Amino acid sequence: TFAPMVDIARDARWGRVMEGAGEDPYLGSKVAEARVIGFQGGG
């Protein structure tokens, strides 16, 4: 799969804000980790 998208997004004009975890590096990092582990069955 071509996911997760982990791009930090600060501009709501950009349509791909929908595909990531928002504007914060800390929250974005935790979400990236969770989704990678979910797709791959572990870390």
PDB file of all heavy atoms in Angstrom:
ATOM      1  N   THR A   1       0.835  -1.196   0.000  1.00  0.00           N
ATOM      2  CA  THR A   1       0.000   0.000   0.000  1.00  0.00           C
ATOM      3  C   THR A   1       0.871   1.246   0.000  1.00  0.00           C
ATOM      4  O   THR A   1       1.949   1.262   0.603  1.00  0.00           O
ATOM      5  CB  THR A   1      -0.942   0.054   1.210  1.00  0.00           C
ATOM      6  OG1 THR A   1      -1.673   1.292   1.174  1.00  0.00           O
ATOM      7  CG2 THR A   1      -0.184   0.000   2.532  1.00  0.00           C
ATOM      8  N   PHE A   2       0.388   2.282  -0.654  1.00  0.00           N
ATOM      9  CA  PHE A   2       1.098   3.556  -0.680  1.00  0.00           C
ATOM     10  C   PHE A   2       0.541   4.455   0.416  1.00  0.00           C
ATOM     11  O   PHE A   2      -0.050   5.512   0.164  1.00  0.00           O
ATOM     12  CB  PHE A   2       0.999   4.172  -2.072  1.00  0.00           C
ATOM     13  CG  PHE A   2       1.503   3.236  -3.139  1.00  0.00           C
ATOM     14  CD1 PHE A   2       0.649   2.692  -4.077  1.00  0.00           C
ATOM     15  CD2 PHE A   2       2.831   2.852  -3.153  1.00  0.00           C
ATOM     16  CE1 PHE A   2       1.111   1.804  -5.033  1.00  0.00           C
ATOM     17  CE2 PHE A   2       3.301   1.957  -4.108  1.00  0.00           C
ATOM     18  CZ  PHE A   2       2.444   1.433  -5.048  1.00  0.00           C
ATOM     19  N   ALA A   3       0.721   4.018   1.624  1.00  0.00           N
ATOM     20  CA  ALA A   3       0.284   4.714   2.829  1.00  0.00           C
ATOM     21  C   ALA A   3       1.152   4.200   3.977  1.00  0.00           C
ATOM     22  O   ALA A   3       1.698   3.093   3.899  1.00  0.00           O
ATOM     23  CB  ALA A   3      -1.195   4.444   3.104  1.00  0.00           C
ATOM     24  N   PRO A   4       1.301   4.972   5.052  1.00  0.00           N
ATOM     25  CA  PRO A   4       0.608   6.231   5.351  1.00  0.00           C
ATOM     26  C   PRO A   4       1.299   7.457   4.757  1.00  0.00           C
ATOM     27  O   PRO A   4       2.512   7.491   4.627  1.00  0.00           O
ATOM     28  CB  PRO A   4       0.689   6.291   6.876  1.00  0.00           C
ATOM     29  CG  PRO A   4       2.002   5.633   7.190  1.00  0.00           C
ATOM     30  CD  PRO A   4       2.133   4.509   6.182  1.00  0.00           C
ATOM     31  N   MET A   5       0.491   8.460   4.406  1.00  0.00           N
ATOM     32  CA  MET A   5       1.033   9.771   4.097  1.00  0.00           C
ATOM     33  C   MET A   5       1.328  10.464   5.417  1.00  0.00           C
ATOM     34  O   MET A   5       0.436  10.582   6.265  1.00  0.00           O
ATOM     35  CB  MET A   5       0.047  10.606   3.286  1.00  0.00           C
ATOM     36  CG  MET A   5       0.699  11.870   2.717  1.00  0.00           C
ATOM     37  SD  MET A   5      -0.472  13.112   2.142  1.00  0.00           S
ATOM     38  CE  MET A   5      -0.661  14.090   3.638  1.00  0.00           C
ATOM     39  N   VAL A   6       2.555  10.906   5.589  1.00  0.00           N
ATOM     40  CA  VAL A   6       2.947  11.488   6.879  1.00  0.00           C
ATOM     41  C   VAL A   6       3.397  12.937   6.730  1.00  0.00           C
ATOM     42  O   VAL A   6       4.083  13.481   7.600  1.00  0.00           O
ATOM     43  CB  VAL A   6       4.044  10.638   7.556  1.00  0.00           C
ATOM     44  CG1 VAL A   6       3.539   9.229   7.800  1.00  0.00           C
ATOM     45  CG2 VAL A   6       5.331  10.589   6.729  1.00  0.00           C
ATOM     46  N   ASP A   7       2.985  13.583   5.637  1.00  0.00           N
ATOM     47  CA  ASP A   7       3.363  14.976   5.409  1.00  0.00           C
ATOM     48  C   ASP A   7       2.706  15.900   6.422  1.00  0.00           C
ATOM     49  O   ASP A   7       1.496  15.810   6.671  1.00  0.00           O
ATOM     50  CB  ASP A   7       2.929  15.414   4.003  1.00  0.00           C
ATOM     51  CG  ASP A   7       3.560  14.571   2.909  1.00  0.00           C
ATOM     52  OD1 ASP A   7       4.710  14.162   3.083  1.00  0.00           O
ATOM     53  OD2 ASP A   7       2.891  14.331   1.889  1.00  0.00           O
ATOM     54  N   ILE A   8       3.487  16.805   6.989  1.00  0.00           N
ATOM     55  CA  ILE A   8       2.926  17.863   7.829  1.00  0.00           C
ATOM     56  C   ILE A   8       2.174  18.838   6.927  1.00  0.00           C
ATOM     57  O   ILE A   8       2.668  19.235   5.865  1.00  0.00           O
ATOM     58  CB  ILE A   8       4.041  18.599   8.586  1.00  0.00           C
ATOM     59  CG1 ILE A   8       4.720  17.649   9.585  1.00  0.00           C
ATOM     60  CG2 ILE A   8       3.503  19.837   9.303  1.00  0.00           C
ATOM     61  CD1 ILE A   8       3.804  17.129  10.676  1.00  0.00           C
ATOM     62  N   ALA A   9       0.969  19.222   7.329  1.00  0.00           N
ATOM     63  CA  ALA A   9       0.123  20.091   6.503  1.00  0.00           C
ATOM     64  C   ALA A   9      -0.337  21.293   7.315  1.00  0.00           C
ATOM     65  O   ALA A   9      -1.006  21.142   8.338  1.00  0.00           O
ATOM     66  CB  ALA A   9      -1.084  19.315   5.983  1.00  0.00           C
ATOM     67  N   ARG A  10       0.024  22.458   6.849  1.00  0.00           N
ATOM     68  CA  ARG A  10      -0.337  23.713   7.535  1.00  0.00           C
ATOM     69  C   ARG A  10      -1.233  24.603   6.683  1.00  0.00           C
ATOM     70  O   ARG A  10      -1.581  25.700   7.107  1.00  0.00           O
ATOM     71  CB  ARG A  10       0.943  24.491   7.875  1.00  0.00           C
ATOM     72  CG  ARG A  10       1.838  23.803   8.911  1.00  0.00           C
ATOM     73  CD  ARG A  10       3.169  24.534   9.038  1.00  0.00           C
ATOM     74  NE  ARG A  10       3.837  24.252  10.297  1.00  0.00           N
ATOM     75  CZ  ARG A  10       4.983  24.802  10.680  1.00  0.00           C
ATOM     76  NH1 ARG A  10       5.600  25.654   9.860  1.00  0.00           N
ATOM     77  NH2 ARG A  10       5.512  24.523  11.853  1.00  0.00           N
ATOM     78  N   ASP A  11      -1.560  24.161   5.491  1.00  0.00           N
ATOM     79  CA  ASP A  11      -2.277  25.000   4.533  1.00  0.00           C
ATOM     80  C   ASP A  11      -3.506  24.258   4.036  1.00  0.00           C
ATOM     81  O   ASP A  11      -3.398  23.292   3.272  1.00  0.00           O
ATOM     82  CB  ASP A  11      -1.347  25.338   3.369  1.00  0.00           C
ATOM     83  CG  ASP A  11      -1.888  26.455   2.493  1.00  0.00           C
ATOM     84  OD1 ASP A  11      -3.120  26.607   2.409  1.00  0.00           O
ATOM     85  OD2 ASP A  11      -1.071  27.168   1.874  1.00  0.00           O
ATOM     86  N   ALA A  12      -4.681  24.716   4.449  1.00  0.00           N
ATOM     87  CA  ALA A  12      -5.927  24.024   4.117  1.00  0.00           C
ATOM     88  C   ALA A  12      -6.302  24.151   2.648  1.00  0.00           C
ATOM     89  O   ALA A  12      -7.210  23.457   2.185  1.00  0.00           O
ATOM     90  CB  ALA A  12      -7.066  24.555   4.987  1.00  0.00           C
ATOM     91  N   ARG A  13      -5.633  24.992   1.906  1.00  0.00           N
ATOM     92  CA  ARG A  13      -5.890  25.034   0.456  1.00  0.00           C
ATOM     93  C   ARG A  13      -5.456  23.731  -0.209  1.00  0.00           C
ATOM     94  O   ARG A  13      -6.034  23.315  -1.201  1.00  0.00           O
ATOM     95  CB  ARG A  13      -5.142  26.221  -0.179  1.00  0.00           C
ATOM     96  CG  ARG A  13      -5.666  27.581   0.223  1.00  0.00           C
ATOM     97  CD  ARG A  13      -4.776  28.689  -0.292  1.00  0.00           C
ATOM     98  NE  ARG A  13      -3.433  28.657   0.301  1.00  0.00           N
ATOM     99  CZ  ARG A  13      -2.491  29.572   0.075  1.00  0.00           C
ATOM    100  NH1 ARG A  13      -2.736  30.581  -0.747  1.00  0.00           N
ATOM    101  NH2 ARG A  13      -1.310  29.486   0.660  1.00  0.00           N
ATOM    102  N   TRP A  14      -4.414  23.123   0.325  1.00  0.00           N
ATOM    103  CA  TRP A  14      -3.845  21.891  -0.244  1.00  0.00           C
ATOM    104  C   TRP A  14      -4.824  20.742  -0.042  1.00  0.00           C
ATOM    105  O   TRP A  14      -5.174  20.395   1.091  1.00  0.00           O
ATOM    106  CB  TRP A  14      -2.513  21.598   0.452  1.00  0.00           C
ATOM    107  CG  TRP A  14      -1.705  20.516  -0.176  1.00  0.00           C
ATOM    108  CD1 TRP A  14      -1.398  20.368  -1.491  1.00  0.00           C
ATOM    109  CD2 TRP A  14      -1.077  19.419   0.512  1.00  0.00           C
ATOM    110  NE1 TRP A  14      -0.606  19.246  -1.680  1.00  0.00           N
ATOM    111  CE2 TRP A  14      -0.394  18.653  -0.472  1.00  0.00           C
ATOM    112  CE3 TRP A  14      -1.009  19.009   1.836  1.00  0.00           C
ATOM    113  CZ2 TRP A  14       0.332  17.506  -0.155  1.00  0.00           C
ATOM    114  CZ3 TRP A  14      -0.287  17.874   2.157  1.00  0.00           C
ATOM    115  CH2 TRP A  14       0.377  17.133   1.175  1.00  0.00           C
ATOM    116  N   GLY A  15      -5.253  20.140  -1.137  1.00  0.00           N
ATOM    117  CA  GLY A  15      -6.280  19.104  -1.042  1.00  0.00           C
ATOM    118  C   GLY A  15      -5.846  17.869  -0.303  1.00  0.00           C
ATOM    119  O   GLY A  15      -6.675  17.122   0.233  1.00  0.00           O
ATOM    120  N   ARG A  16      -4.539  17.619  -0.228  1.00  0.00           N
ATOM    121  CA  ARG A  16      -4.073  16.387   0.383  1.00  0.00           C
ATOM    122  C   ARG A  16      -3.921  16.496   1.904  1.00  0.00           C
ATOM    123  O   ARG A  16      -3.433  15.548   2.529  1.00  0.00           O
ATOM    124  CB  ARG A  16      -2.764  15.949  -0.284  1.00  0.00           C
ATOM    125  CG  ARG A  16      -2.954  15.666  -1.761  1.00  0.00           C
ATOM    126  CD  ARG A  16      -1.793  14.933  -2.389  1.00  0.00           C
ATOM    127  NE  ARG A  16      -1.850  13.509  -2.095  1.00  0.00           N
ATOM    128  CZ  ARG A  16      -1.171  12.590  -2.796  1.00  0.00           C
ATOM    129  NH1 ARG A  16      -0.411  12.962  -3.821  1.00  0.00           N
ATOM    130  NH2 ARG A  16      -1.253  11.317  -2.499  1.00  0.00           N
ATOM    131  N   VAL A  17      -4.361  17.599   2.488  1.00  0.00           N
ATOM    132  CA  VAL A  17      -4.418  17.631   3.951  1.00  0.00           C
ATOM    133  C   VAL A  17      -5.275  16.478   4.467  1.00  0.00           C
ATOM    134  O   VAL A  17      -5.058  15.960   5.563  1.00  0.00           O
ATOM    135  CB  VAL A  17      -4.964  18.973   4.495  1.00  0.00           C
ATOM    136  CG1 VAL A  17      -4.050  20.121   4.150  1.00  0.00           C
ATOM    137  CG2 VAL A  17      -6.383  19.247   4.010  1.00  0.00           C
ATOM    138  N   MET A  18      -6.250  16.059   3.667  1.00  0.00           N
ATOM    139  CA  MET A  18      -7.165  14.988   4.086  1.00  0.00           C
ATOM    140  C   MET A  18      -6.444  13.665   4.340  1.00  0.00           C
ATOM    141  O   MET A  18      -6.918  12.829   5.099  1.00  0.00           O
ATOM    142  CB  MET A  18      -8.226  14.754   3.007  1.00  0.00           C
ATOM    143  CG  MET A  18      -7.653  14.349   1.668  1.00  0.00           C
ATOM    144  SD  MET A  18      -8.657  13.195   0.679  1.00  0.00           S
ATOM    145  CE  MET A  18      -8.562  11.709   1.617  1.00  0.00           C
ATOM    146  N   GLU A  19      -5.271  13.504   3.716  1.00  0.00           N
ATOM    147  CA  GLU A  19      -4.612  12.208   3.671  1.00  0.00           C
ATOM    148  C   GLU A  19      -3.601  12.011   4.801  1.00  0.00           C
ATOM    149  O   GLU A  19      -3.066  10.920   4.979  1.00  0.00           O
ATOM    150  CB  GLU A  19      -3.910  12.068   2.320  1.00  0.00           C
ATOM    151  CG  GLU A  19      -3.644  10.664   1.869  1.00  0.00           C
ATOM    152  CD  GLU A  19      -2.981  10.629   0.505  1.00  0.00           C
ATOM    153  OE1 GLU A  19      -3.117  11.601  -0.269  1.00  0.00           O
ATOM    154  OE2 GLU A  19      -2.301   9.624   0.218  1.00  0.00           O
ATOM    155  N   GLY A  20      -3.329  13.073   5.555  1.00  0.00           N
ATOM    156  CA  GLY A  20      -2.314  13.001   6.599  1.00  0.00           C
ATOM    157  C   GLY A  20      -2.885  13.216   7.980  1.00  0.00           C
ATOM    158  O   GLY A  20      -4.088  13.124   8.207  1.00  0.00           O
ATOM    159  N   ALA A  21      -1.980  13.536   8.920  1.00  0.00           N
ATOM    160  CA  ALA A  21      -2.366  13.643  10.331  1.00  0.00           C
ATOM    161  C   ALA A  21      -2.326  15.073  10.842  1.00  0.00           C
ATOM    162  O   ALA A  21      -2.327  15.293  12.054  1.00  0.00           O
ATOM    163  CB  ALA A  21      -1.453  12.765  11.191  1.00  0.00           C
ATOM    164  N   GLY A  22      -2.286  16.052   9.928  1.00  0.00           N
ATOM    165  CA  GLY A  22      -2.402  17.426  10.372  1.00  0.00           C
ATOM    166  C   GLY A  22      -1.084  18.166  10.477  1.00  0.00           C
ATOM    167  O   GLY A  22      -0.126  17.880   9.765  1.00  0.00           O
ATOM    168  N   GLU A  23      -1.037  19.112  11.411  1.00  0.00           N
ATOM    169  CA  GLU A  23       0.028  20.115  11.413  1.00  0.00           C
ATOM    170  C   GLU A  23       1.152  19.868  12.404  1.00  0.00           C
ATOM    171  O   GLU A  23       2.154  20.589  12.392  1.00  0.00           O
ATOM    172  CB  GLU A  23      -0.568  21.496  11.703  1.00  0.00           C
ATOM    173  CG  GLU A  23      -1.064  21.673  13.134  1.00  0.00           C
ATOM    174  CD  GLU A  23      -1.855  22.964  13.320  1.00  0.00           C
ATOM    175  OE1 GLU A  23      -2.750  23.238  12.499  1.00  0.00           O
ATOM    176  OE2 GLU A  23      -1.569  23.690  14.292  1.00  0.00           O
ATOM    177  N   ASP A  24       1.032  18.889  13.278  1.00  0.00           N
ATOM    178  CA  ASP A  24       1.989  18.773  14.381  1.00  0.00           C
ATOM    179  C   ASP A  24       2.975  17.624  14.201  1.00  0.00           C
ATOM    180  O   ASP A  24       2.563  16.482  13.957  1.00  0.00           O
ATOM    181  CB  ASP A  24       1.249  18.583  15.701  1.00  0.00           C
ATOM    182  CG  ASP A  24       2.214  18.500  16.863  1.00  0.00           C
ATOM    183  OD1 ASP A  24       2.821  19.536  17.188  1.00  0.00           O
ATOM    184  OD2 ASP A  24       2.386  17.405  17.424  1.00  0.00           O
ATOM    185  N   PRO A  25       4.278  17.862  14.361  1.00  0.00           N
ATOM    186  CA  PRO A  25       5.272  16.797  14.187  1.00  0.00           C
ATOM    187  C   PRO A  25       5.158  15.673  15.210  1.00  0.00           C
ATOM    188  O   PRO A  25       5.388  14.501  14.863  1.00  0.00           O
ATOM    189  CB  PRO A  25       6.615  17.527  14.337  1.00  0.00           C
ATOM    190  CG  PRO A  25       6.310  18.959  14.088  1.00  0.00           C
ATOM    191  CD  PRO A  25       4.910  19.172  14.553  1.00  0.00           C
ATOM    192  N   TYR A  26       4.824  16.002  16.457  1.00  0.00           N
ATOM    193  CA  TYR A  26       4.749  14.957  17.486  1.00  0.00           C
ATOM    194  C   TYR A  26       3.560  14.039  17.245  1.00  0.00           C
ATOM    195  O   TYR A  26       3.705  12.812  17.183  1.00  0.00           O
ATOM    196  CB  TYR A  26       4.653  15.592  18.877  1.00  0.00           C
ATOM    197  CG  TYR A  26       4.613  14.576  19.997  1.00  0.00           C
ATOM    198  CD1 TYR A  26       5.784  14.075  20.546  1.00  0.00           C
ATOM    199  CD2 TYR A  26       3.405  14.113  20.503  1.00  0.00           C
ATOM    200  CE1 TYR A  26       5.755  13.131  21.571  1.00  0.00           C
ATOM    201  CE2 TYR A  26       3.363  13.169  21.519  1.00  0.00           C
ATOM    202  CZ  TYR A  26       4.540  12.686  22.050  1.00  0.00           C
ATOM    203  OH  TYR A  26       4.495  11.744  23.060  1.00  0.00           O
ATOM    204  N   LEU A  27       2.369  14.617  17.087  1.00  0.00           N
ATOM    205  CA  LEU A  27       1.188  13.805  16.812  1.00  0.00           C
ATOM    206  C   LEU A  27       1.360  13.065  15.498  1.00  0.00           C
ATOM    207  O   LEU A  27       1.042  11.870  15.383  1.00  0.00           O
ATOM    208  CB  LEU A  27      -0.068  14.676  16.773  1.00  0.00           C
ATOM    209  CG  LEU A  27      -1.382  13.960  16.434  1.00  0.00           C
ATOM    210  CD1 LEU A  27      -1.699  12.879  17.447  1.00  0.00           C
ATOM    211  CD2 LEU A  27      -2.537  14.958  16.325  1.00  0.00           C
ATOM    212  N   GLY A  28       1.890  13.751  14.480  1.00  0.00           N
ATOM    213  CA  GLY A  28       2.101  13.114  13.191  1.00  0.00           C
ATOM    214  C   GLY A  28       3.033  11.925  13.276  1.00  0.00           C
ATOM    215  O   GLY A  28       2.835  10.910  12.603  1.00  0.00           O
ATOM    216  N   SER A  29       4.052  12.013  14.122  1.00  0.00           N
ATOM    217  CA  SER A  29       4.995  10.904  14.286  1.00  0.00           C
ATOM    218  C   SER A  29       4.332   9.713  14.948  1.00  0.00           C
ATOM    219  O   SER A  29       4.554   8.554  14.558  1.00  0.00           O
ATOM    220  CB  SER A  29       6.195  11.370  15.118  1.00  0.00           C
ATOM    221  OG  SER A  29       6.928  12.373  14.444  1.00  0.00           O
ATOM    222  N   LYS A  30       3.508   9.965  15.942  1.00  0.00           N
ATOM    223  CA  LYS A  30       2.819   8.876  16.626  1.00  0.00           C
ATOM    224  C   LYS A  30       1.810   8.190  15.708  1.00  0.00           C
ATOM    225  O   LYS A  30       1.663   6.962  15.724  1.00  0.00           O
ATOM    226  CB  LYS A  30       2.114   9.408  17.881  1.00  0.00           C
ATOM    227  CG  LYS A  30       3.048   9.940  18.956  1.00  0.00           C
ATOM    228  CD  LYS A  30       3.962   8.840  19.482  1.00  0.00           C
ATOM    229  CE  LYS A  30       4.849   9.334  20.610  1.00  0.00           C
ATOM    230  NZ  LYS A  30       5.781   8.281  21.096  1.00  0.00           N
ATOM    231  N   VAL A  31       1.118   8.971  14.901  1.00  0.00           N
ATOM    232  CA  VAL A  31       0.157   8.401  13.960  1.00  0.00           C
ATOM    233  C   VAL A  31       0.891   7.593  12.888  1.00  0.00           C
ATOM    234  O   VAL A  31       0.452   6.502  12.508  1.00  0.00           O
ATOM    235  CB  VAL A  31      -0.703   9.506  13.327  1.00  0.00           C
ATOM    236  CG1 VAL A  31      -1.569   8.946  12.202  1.00  0.00           C
ATOM    237  CG2 VAL A  31      -1.580  10.172  14.388  1.00  0.00           C
ATOM    238  N   ALA A  32       2.019   8.109  12.397  1.00  0.00           N
ATOM    239  CA  ALA A  32       2.807   7.381  11.397  1.00  0.00           C
ATOM    240  C   ALA A  32       3.217   6.015  11.935  1.00  0.00           C
ATOM    241  O   ALA A  32       3.080   4.990  11.253  1.00  0.00           O
ATOM    242  CB  ALA A  32       4.041   8.196  11.016  1.00  0.00           C
ATOM    243  N   GLU A  33       3.709   5.995  13.148  1.00  0.00           N
ATOM    244  CA  GLU A  33       4.129   4.737  13.769  1.00  0.00           C
ATOM    245  C   GLU A  33       2.963   3.766  13.884  1.00  0.00           C
ATOM    246  O   GLU A  33       3.076   2.581  13.538  1.00  0.00           O
ATOM    247  CB  GLU A  33       4.715   5.018  15.147  1.00  0.00           C
ATOM    248  CG  GLU A  33       5.146   3.783  15.902  1.00  0.00           C
ATOM    249  CD  GLU A  33       5.644   4.104  17.308  1.00  0.00           C
ATOM    250  OE1 GLU A  33       5.372   5.221  17.801  1.00  0.00           O
ATOM    251  OE2 GLU A  33       6.289   3.239  17.913  1.00  0.00           O
ATOM    252  N   ALA A  34       1.814   4.252  14.359  1.00  0.00           N
ATOM    253  CA  ALA A  34       0.651   3.382  14.558  1.00  0.00           C
ATOM    254  C   ALA A  34       0.174   2.784  13.243  1.00  0.00           C
ATOM    255  O   ALA A  34      -0.156   1.590  13.172  1.00  0.00           O
ATOM    256  CB  ALA A  34      -0.480   4.173  15.221  1.00  0.00           C
ATOM    257  N   ARG A  35       0.148   3.572  12.199  1.00  0.00           N
ATOM    258  CA  ARG A  35      -0.380   3.087  10.934  1.00  0.00           C
ATOM    259  C   ARG A  35       0.604   2.136  10.241  1.00  0.00           C
ATOM    260  O   ARG A  35       0.186   1.153   9.618  1.00  0.00           O
ATOM    261  CB  ARG A  35      -0.744   4.263  10.020  1.00  0.00           C
ATOM    262  CG  ARG A  35      -1.823   5.174  10.632  1.00  0.00           C
ATOM    263  CD  ARG A  35      -2.485   6.054   9.600  1.00  0.00           C
ATOM    264  NE  ARG A  35      -3.390   5.274   8.779  1.00  0.00           N
ATOM    265  CZ  ARG A  35      -3.658   5.530   7.501  1.00  0.00           C
ATOM    266  NH1 ARG A  35      -3.057   6.545   6.892  1.00  0.00           N
ATOM    267  NH2 ARG A  35      -4.495   4.789   6.830  1.00  0.00           N
ATOM    268  N   VAL A  36       1.891   2.395  10.341  1.00  0.00           N
ATOM    269  CA  VAL A  36       2.877   1.462   9.790  1.00  0.00           C
ATOM    270  C   VAL A  36       2.738   0.101  10.461  1.00  0.00           C
ATOM    271  O   VAL A  36       2.692  -0.948   9.810  1.00  0.00           O
ATOM    272  CB  VAL A  36       4.307   2.012   9.968  1.00  0.00           C
ATOM    273  CG1 VAL A  36       5.344   0.909   9.710  1.00  0.00           C
ATOM    274  CG2 VAL A  36       4.551   3.184   9.022  1.00  0.00           C
ATOM    275  N   ILE A  37       2.661   0.106  11.784  1.00  0.00           N
ATOM    276  CA  ILE A  37       2.525  -1.148  12.527  1.00  0.00           C
ATOM    277  C   ILE A  37       1.219  -1.847  12.168  1.00  0.00           C
ATOM    278  O   ILE A  37       1.170  -3.072  12.033  1.00  0.00           O
ATOM    279  CB  ILE A  37       2.619  -0.871  14.039  1.00  0.00           C
ATOM    280  CG1 ILE A  37       4.060  -0.469  14.399  1.00  0.00           C
ATOM    281  CG2 ILE A  37       2.182  -2.083  14.854  1.00  0.00           C
ATOM    282  CD1 ILE A  37       4.233   0.000  15.820  1.00  0.00           C
ATOM    283  N   GLY A  38       0.151  -1.086  11.966  1.00  0.00           N
ATOM    284  CA  GLY A  38      -1.125  -1.689  11.582  1.00  0.00           C
ATOM    285  C   GLY A  38      -1.065  -2.370  10.229  1.00  0.00           C
ATOM    286  O   GLY A  38      -1.510  -3.509  10.071  1.00  0.00           O
ATOM    287  N   PHE A  39      -0.507  -1.691   9.241  1.00  0.00           N
ATOM    288  CA  PHE A  39      -0.416  -2.274   7.899  1.00  0.00           C
ATOM    289  C   PHE A  39       0.494  -3.498   7.873  1.00  0.00           C
ATOM    290  O   PHE A  39       0.202  -4.494   7.212  1.00  0.00           O
ATOM    291  CB  PHE A  39       0.124  -1.245   6.901  1.00  0.00           C
ATOM    292  CG  PHE A  39      -0.867  -0.207   6.464  1.00  0.00           C
ATOM    293  CD1 PHE A  39      -0.557   1.148   6.539  1.00  0.00           C
ATOM    294  CD2 PHE A  39      -2.104  -0.564   5.950  1.00  0.00           C
ATOM    295  CE1 PHE A  39      -1.454   2.121   6.116  1.00  0.00           C
ATOM    296  CE2 PHE A  39      -3.020   0.396   5.529  1.00  0.00           C
ATOM    297  CZ  PHE A  39      -2.683   1.745   5.615  1.00  0.00           C
ATOM    298  N   GLN A  40       1.624  -3.417   8.580  1.00  0.00           N
ATOM    299  CA  GLN A  40       2.655  -4.440   8.461  1.00  0.00           C
ATOM    300  C   GLN A  40       2.610  -5.497   9.555  1.00  0.00           C
ATOM    301  O   GLN A  40       3.426  -6.428   9.545  1.00  0.00           O
ATOM    302  CB  GLN A  40       4.041  -3.785   8.436  1.00  0.00           C
ATOM    303  CG  GLN A  40       4.235  -2.891   7.228  1.00  0.00           C
ATOM    304  CD  GLN A  40       5.664  -2.393   7.038  1.00  0.00           C
ATOM    305  OE1 GLN A  40       5.981  -1.806   6.015  1.00  0.00           O
ATOM    306  NE2 GLN A  40       6.538  -2.617   8.012  1.00  0.00           N
ATOM    307  N   GLY A  41       1.681  -5.359  10.494  1.00  0.00           N
ATOM    308  CA  GLY A  41       1.532  -6.370  11.530  1.00  0.00           C
ATOM    309  C   GLY A  41       2.551  -6.276  12.632  1.00  0.00           C
ATOM    310  O   GLY A  41       2.681  -7.194  13.447  1.00  0.00           O
ATOM    311  N   GLY A  42       3.293  -5.187  12.700  1.00  0.00           N
ATOM    312  CA  GLY A  42       4.299  -5.004  13.733  1.00  0.00           C
ATOM    313  C   GLY A  42       5.368  -4.053  13.272  1.00  0.00           C
ATOM    314  O   GLY A  42       5.368  -3.589  12.126  1.00  0.00           O
ATOM    315  N   GLY A  43       6.297  -3.753  14.167  1.00  0.00           N
ATOM    316  CA  GLY A  43       7.313  -2.763  13.874  1.00  0.00           C
ATOM    317  C   GLY A  43       8.640  -3.330  13.421  1.00  0.00           C
ATOM    318  O   GLY A  43       9.571  -2.582  13.152  1.00  0.00           O
TER     319      GLY A  43
END
